[in-house]
Amino acid sequence: MSFELQFDWKNHRRIVGGKEVILHCHHYNSRLQHTIESATAVDGKSIIRSSAESAFSEHVTASLMPAQTDAPSKWQRARDLYAHLGFGDLDVSRVASGNVEATSSHFVEGWNAGFPGRTEPVCTMTEGFLAGAHHAITGESVRYRETECKITGAPRCKFEVVRDAREPVQPVTKRAFSFTSKPATGFPRPGNIDADKIVQALVGMPIHGDHAGLIPAFGVYLANTPADFYNSICIRFVEEMKKHGLERNAVRLLVSDAETCAMNTFRGIMSSPEWDGLVAPMIQNQDDSLYGIVAVSNALGWGNWYVSSLQSGSKLKIESVNGYEAFGFREMRGSSHDPQCFMLRGVAAGIMALVYGSGSVKERFGTYASVEESCICADKPSCVFDVVRS
């Protein structure tokens, strides 16, 4: 497939196919989708679908190779990108007649894990991916509609093209944002935790789609999702909810999704052979586990953040010098009086609950409260999160 990972060590960013991607698990992706689509005050499906169209139109375009000059080879390249990123396997052999099928789906796996019993199709992002790929390959703006979905018991997910009057697929609009990251120095770190070694090892792992286009790893299904997609859906969701006086509800839901993701994802990582072989030998006490998790997270494309201070089990201050949410907001919307890093805020609370809490994930949820006290979006030098036991 030749989608080699490029890792930007200065900013801790993952780049695949010419675009920045973020590693998250199916718990986060399905919960984020559920949150946005279940909010009755807004058209969540439209937010997700159109954001995917824009992000993947550009991603497919960036991934095409000079030798791919005809539509079938371009569609095959788009299919390979989709599978490599971990979203599943698409059969595009009948796309010329307006039909695409999927034999596996990252989103179906996520919904089955978190919201079983769904009776409606769940592959909204795939609808947007196909429309975006169609635009990149043909220049035509169309819609794709999922007519059957594996979540409802169908043997395959099926999509058909819809050619009706619609607005053209919109490009991802960004403004220039020049920022000098705060130097990642002076942060306390246990001498026995070799963070650079942990990041190097994880960056070297083949975290990409298997024969089914899925990434089963660390007890979860991972996916490399464009940062532009995540930033777009979260920004637009909060903006649309704000029109109905529901901005605080939107933020609370996004933070909650990330907290749940952190506990599930990092619980899987801490139970994995990779953790046992790489990180566990470095750990001498409970606090070291937290430092190990932070090191792992710095390989996921979120940017790089560091523990500023820690009172074991009771209080954490953690600082992000270039998180993808803050940078994405500045590029898409400019500055903001209010902090905008909802994912990192939720993750900060989640990792404290995971390391120092007890019981199931459900029992640990909400045992720590996180506040973003400063943010790059508000012209601060870094994003700072305070976490305390609630």
Foldseek 3Di string as FASTA:
>chain_A
DPQDWDADVVWLFIDTLRFTWFKFFLLLVLLVLCLQCVPPLDNSLVLLQLLLLQVLLVSLLSNDDPVPDDLVSSVVSLQVVLLFQAAWGKDCVCVVVFKIKTQDGRNLQSCCVPPAPDQDADPSSVQSNVQNSCCNRPVDGWTKDFPDHCSNPDNITMIGIGDDDDDHRDHQAWDDDDADFDDPPDADDPPLFPLVVLLVVVLPDSQTGDPGSWGCDLNTIMGTHGLSSVLSSLVVSLVSCVVVVCNVVSLVSLLLSLLLRLLVRVVSVCPDVVCVVPPVVSDDDLVSSLVNSLSNSSNRRQTHKGWRDDDPLFKTKMWGRNGSNQVSCCTRPNADQDAGPSNVQSNVQNSSLNSRNDDDSVVSPPQKHKDFPDDVSNVDRITMMMIGGD
